[in-house]
Amino acid sequence: MRRGRPLVFVRTYQREQVLVALQRSGSGEVELPYSPLLREGKWQLVEGEGERVAQEGGLRLQLAARVGQRVAVTWVMPGNVAE
């Protein structure tokens, strides 16, 4: 694993999903394909600074730049909401 690359994970409880991205240095962009583990839908930013762009087949995350500290960005998609 390269130092400074973003770490991303998704957790699901019943129908609600939480997406957390950790930016370890600089700024970063991550592209994630939709899958059974990452559903297409209406994600809401709940913590941190970052941009989420829905695109055909997946999500693109643009994470805020930080120097000297790690950045955590969290999105949530309630189970009863769909785009």
N, C-alpha and C. Protein backbone atom coordinates (compact mmCIF):
# COMPACT_ATOMS: atom_id res chain seq x y z
N MET A 1 0.84 -1.17 0.00
CA MET A 1 0.00 0.00 0.00
C MET A 1 0.89 1.24 0.00
N ARG A 2 0.58 2.18 -0.87
CA ARG A 2 1.37 3.40 -0.95
C ARG A 2 0.98 4.37 0.15
N ARG A 3 1.97 5.00 0.70
CA ARG A 3 1.72 5.98 1.74
C ARG A 3 0.98 7.18 1.16
N GLY A 4 -0.02 7.67 1.88
CA GLY A 4 -0.74 8.84 1.44
C GLY A 4 -1.98 8.57 0.63
N ARG A 5 -2.16 7.35 0.16
CA ARG A 5 -3.37 7.04 -0.61
C ARG A 5 -4.58 7.01 0.32
N PRO A 6 -5.74 7.44 -0.17
CA PRO A 6 -6.95 7.41 0.66
C PRO A 6 -7.35 5.97 0.99
N LEU A 7 -7.92 5.80 2.17
CA LEU A 7 -8.52 4.54 2.57
C LEU A 7 -10.03 4.74 2.61
N VAL A 8 -10.79 3.81 2.03
CA VAL A 8 -12.24 3.94 1.97
C VAL A 8 -12.86 2.64 2.43
N PHE A 9 -13.90 2.76 3.26
CA PHE A 9 -14.65 1.55 3.61
C PHE A 9 -16.13 1.87 3.72
N VAL A 10 -16.95 0.83 3.50
CA VAL A 10 -18.41 0.93 3.56
C VAL A 10 -18.90 -0.08 4.58
N ARG A 11 -19.84 0.34 5.39
CA ARG A 11 -20.48 -0.56 6.34
C ARG A 11 -21.99 -0.50 6.12
N THR A 12 -22.64 -1.64 6.23
CA THR A 12 -24.09 -1.73 6.04
C THR A 12 -24.73 -2.32 7.28
N TYR A 13 -25.82 -1.69 7.72
CA TYR A 13 -26.64 -2.23 8.79
C TYR A 13 -28.08 -2.19 8.30
N GLN A 14 -28.68 -3.36 8.17
CA GLN A 14 -29.99 -3.50 7.56
C GLN A 14 -29.92 -2.86 6.18
N ARG A 15 -30.65 -1.75 5.93
CA ARG A 15 -30.58 -1.13 4.60
C ARG A 15 -29.81 0.19 4.60
N GLU A 16 -29.30 0.60 5.74
CA GLU A 16 -28.53 1.85 5.82
C GLU A 16 -27.06 1.56 5.55
N GLN A 17 -26.41 2.46 4.80
CA GLN A 17 -24.99 2.31 4.51
C GLN A 17 -24.23 3.55 4.99
N VAL A 18 -23.01 3.33 5.43
CA VAL A 18 -22.11 4.40 5.83
C VAL A 18 -20.82 4.24 5.02
N LEU A 19 -20.37 5.33 4.41
CA LEU A 19 -19.16 5.35 3.61
C LEU A 19 -18.17 6.29 4.29
N VAL A 20 -16.99 5.80 4.63
CA VAL A 20 -15.97 6.60 5.30
C VAL A 20 -14.72 6.61 4.44
N ALA A 21 -14.19 7.80 4.19
CA ALA A 21 -12.94 7.95 3.44
C ALA A 21 -11.93 8.65 4.33
N LEU A 22 -10.74 8.09 4.41
CA LEU A 22 -9.65 8.67 5.20
C LEU A 22 -8.56 9.16 4.26
N GLN A 23 -8.33 10.46 4.26
CA GLN A 23 -7.27 11.05 3.44
C GLN A 23 -6.06 11.21 4.32
N ARG A 24 -4.99 10.49 4.02
CA ARG A 24 -3.83 10.46 4.90
C ARG A 24 -2.84 11.59 4.65
N SER A 25 -2.78 12.13 3.45
CA SER A 25 -1.91 13.27 3.18
C SER A 25 -2.34 13.92 1.88
N GLY A 26 -2.04 15.20 1.74
CA GLY A 26 -2.39 15.93 0.53
C GLY A 26 -3.88 15.93 0.27
N SER A 27 -4.25 15.93 -1.01
CA SER A 27 -5.65 15.80 -1.40
C SER A 27 -5.76 14.53 -2.22
N GLY A 28 -6.95 14.06 -2.40
CA GLY A 28 -7.08 12.82 -3.14
C GLY A 28 -8.43 12.66 -3.80
N GLU A 29 -8.43 11.86 -4.83
CA GLU A 29 -9.65 11.52 -5.55
C GLU A 29 -9.72 10.01 -5.64
N VAL A 30 -10.91 9.47 -5.42
CA VAL A 30 -11.12 8.03 -5.44
C VAL A 30 -12.34 7.75 -6.29
N GLU A 31 -12.26 6.75 -7.16
CA GLU A 31 -13.42 6.30 -7.92
C GLU A 31 -13.80 4.91 -7.44
N LEU A 32 -15.09 4.75 -7.12
CA LEU A 32 -15.60 3.49 -6.59
C LEU A 32 -16.75 3.00 -7.45
N PRO A 33 -16.71 1.77 -7.93
CA PRO A 33 -17.82 1.24 -8.72
C PRO A 33 -18.98 0.83 -7.81
N TYR A 34 -20.21 0.98 -8.32
CA TYR A 34 -21.37 0.46 -7.59
C TYR A 34 -21.29 -1.05 -7.57
N SER A 35 -21.75 -1.64 -6.46
CA SER A 35 -21.73 -3.09 -6.29
C SER A 35 -22.78 -3.44 -5.25
N PRO A 36 -22.97 -4.71 -4.96
CA PRO A 36 -23.90 -5.06 -3.88
C PRO A 36 -23.47 -4.46 -2.53
N LEU A 37 -22.17 -4.17 -2.38
CA LEU A 37 -21.68 -3.56 -1.14
C LEU A 37 -21.75 -2.04 -1.16
N LEU A 38 -21.85 -1.43 -2.34
CA LEU A 38 -21.94 0.03 -2.47
C LEU A 38 -23.09 0.33 -3.42
N ARG A 39 -24.25 0.64 -2.83
CA ARG A 39 -25.45 0.87 -3.64
C ARG A 39 -25.48 2.27 -4.23
N GLU A 40 -26.17 2.37 -5.34
CA GLU A 40 -26.46 3.67 -5.92
C GLU A 40 -27.60 4.28 -5.13
N GLY A 41 -27.53 5.54 -4.82
CA GLY A 41 -28.60 6.18 -4.05
C GLY A 41 -28.23 7.58 -3.64
N LYS A 42 -28.98 8.13 -2.71
CA LYS A 42 -28.82 9.50 -2.26
C LYS A 42 -27.95 9.55 -1.00
N TRP A 43 -26.66 9.75 -1.20
CA TRP A 43 -25.71 9.82 -0.09
C TRP A 43 -25.73 11.22 0.50
N GLN A 44 -25.63 11.32 1.81
CA GLN A 44 -25.63 12.60 2.51
C GLN A 44 -24.31 12.75 3.27
N LEU A 45 -23.65 13.89 3.08
CA LEU A 45 -22.41 14.18 3.81
C LEU A 45 -22.77 14.49 5.26
N VAL A 46 -22.16 13.78 6.20
CA VAL A 46 -22.47 14.00 7.61
C VAL A 46 -21.26 14.47 8.42
N GLU A 47 -20.06 14.31 7.91
CA GLU A 47 -18.87 14.70 8.67
C GLU A 47 -17.71 14.96 7.72
N GLY A 48 -16.96 16.03 7.96
CA GLY A 48 -15.76 16.30 7.18
C GLY A 48 -16.03 17.13 5.94
N GLU A 49 -14.98 17.29 5.14
CA GLU A 49 -15.04 18.08 3.92
C GLU A 49 -14.67 17.21 2.74
N GLY A 50 -15.58 17.11 1.80
CA GLY A 50 -15.32 16.32 0.61
C GLY A 50 -16.49 16.43 -0.34
N GLU A 51 -16.25 16.07 -1.56
CA GLU A 51 -17.28 16.13 -2.59
C GLU A 51 -17.53 14.73 -3.12
N ARG A 52 -18.80 14.39 -3.28
CA ARG A 52 -19.19 13.10 -3.83
C ARG A 52 -19.93 13.37 -5.13
N VAL A 53 -19.49 12.76 -6.20
CA VAL A 53 -20.13 12.94 -7.50
C VAL A 53 -20.60 11.58 -7.99
N ALA A 54 -21.92 11.48 -8.21
CA ALA A 54 -22.46 10.25 -8.79
C ALA A 54 -22.17 10.28 -10.28
N GLN A 55 -21.64 9.20 -10.79
CA GLN A 55 -21.39 9.09 -12.22
C GLN A 55 -21.85 7.72 -12.68
N GLU A 56 -21.90 7.53 -13.95
CA GLU A 56 -22.36 6.26 -14.48
C GLU A 56 -21.49 5.12 -13.94
N GLY A 57 -22.13 4.22 -13.23
CA GLY A 57 -21.42 3.04 -12.74
C GLY A 57 -20.73 3.17 -11.40
N GLY A 58 -20.77 4.37 -10.78
CA GLY A 58 -20.09 4.48 -9.50
C GLY A 58 -20.07 5.88 -8.92
N LEU A 59 -19.21 6.06 -7.93
CA LEU A 59 -19.04 7.34 -7.25
C LEU A 59 -17.61 7.82 -7.42
N ARG A 60 -17.46 9.14 -7.51
CA ARG A 60 -16.13 9.75 -7.47
C ARG A 60 -16.09 10.61 -6.21
N LEU A 61 -15.11 10.39 -5.37
CA LEU A 61 -14.94 11.16 -4.14
C LEU A 61 -13.74 12.06 -4.29
N GLN A 62 -13.93 13.35 -4.03
CA GLN A 62 -12.83 14.30 -3.99
C GLN A 62 -12.64 14.69 -2.53
N LEU A 63 -11.50 14.34 -1.97
CA LEU A 63 -11.25 14.57 -0.55
C LEU A 63 -10.43 15.84 -0.36
N ALA A 64 -10.76 16.57 0.69
CA ALA A 64 -10.12 17.85 0.98
C ALA A 64 -8.63 17.67 1.27
N ALA A 65 -7.86 18.67 0.91
CA ALA A 65 -6.42 18.64 1.18
C ALA A 65 -6.15 19.05 2.62
N ARG A 66 -5.24 18.34 3.24
CA ARG A 66 -4.81 18.68 4.59
C ARG A 66 -3.31 18.44 4.70
N VAL A 67 -2.66 19.27 5.48
CA VAL A 67 -1.22 19.11 5.71
C VAL A 67 -1.02 18.81 7.19
N GLY A 68 -0.29 17.74 7.48
CA GLY A 68 0.05 17.43 8.85
C GLY A 68 -1.00 16.70 9.65
N GLN A 69 -2.13 16.40 9.06
CA GLN A 69 -3.15 15.64 9.77
C GLN A 69 -3.97 14.81 8.80
N ARG A 70 -4.58 13.77 9.29
CA ARG A 70 -5.44 12.94 8.45
C ARG A 70 -6.83 13.53 8.43
N VAL A 71 -7.54 13.30 7.36
CA VAL A 71 -8.88 13.82 7.19
C VAL A 71 -9.84 12.65 7.05
N ALA A 72 -10.92 12.68 7.81
CA ALA A 72 -11.97 11.67 7.69
C ALA A 72 -13.22 12.34 7.14
N VAL A 73 -13.81 11.72 6.13
CA VAL A 73 -15.05 12.22 5.53
C VAL A 73 -16.05 11.08 5.59
N THR A 74 -17.28 11.39 6.03
CA THR A 74 -18.30 10.36 6.20
C THR A 74 -19.57 10.74 5.46
N TRP A 75 -20.09 9.81 4.69
CA TRP A 75 -21.39 9.94 4.04
C TRP A 75 -22.29 8.83 4.55
N VAL A 76 -23.61 9.08 4.57
CA VAL A 76 -24.56 8.04 4.97
C VAL A 76 -25.69 8.01 3.94
N MET A 77 -26.21 6.82 3.69
CA MET A 77 -27.38 6.66 2.84
C MET A 77 -28.43 5.89 3.64
N PRO A 78 -29.49 6.60 4.10
CA PRO A 78 -30.55 5.90 4.81
C PRO A 78 -31.17 4.82 3.94
N GLY A 79 -31.65 3.78 4.55
CA GLY A 79 -32.18 2.63 3.81
C GLY A 79 -33.44 2.88 3.03
N ASN A 80 -34.19 3.95 3.33
CA ASN A 80 -35.44 4.18 2.64
C ASN A 80 -35.36 5.28 1.59
N VAL A 81 -34.15 5.72 1.23
CA VAL A 81 -33.97 6.81 0.28
C VAL A 81 -33.29 6.29 -0.97
N ALA A 82 -33.81 6.64 -2.13
CA ALA A 82 -33.18 6.27 -3.40
C ALA A 82 -33.20 7.46 -4.33
N GLU A 83 -32.21 7.54 -5.22
CA GLU A 83 -32.16 8.63 -6.21
C GLU A 83 -33.06 8.27 -7.36
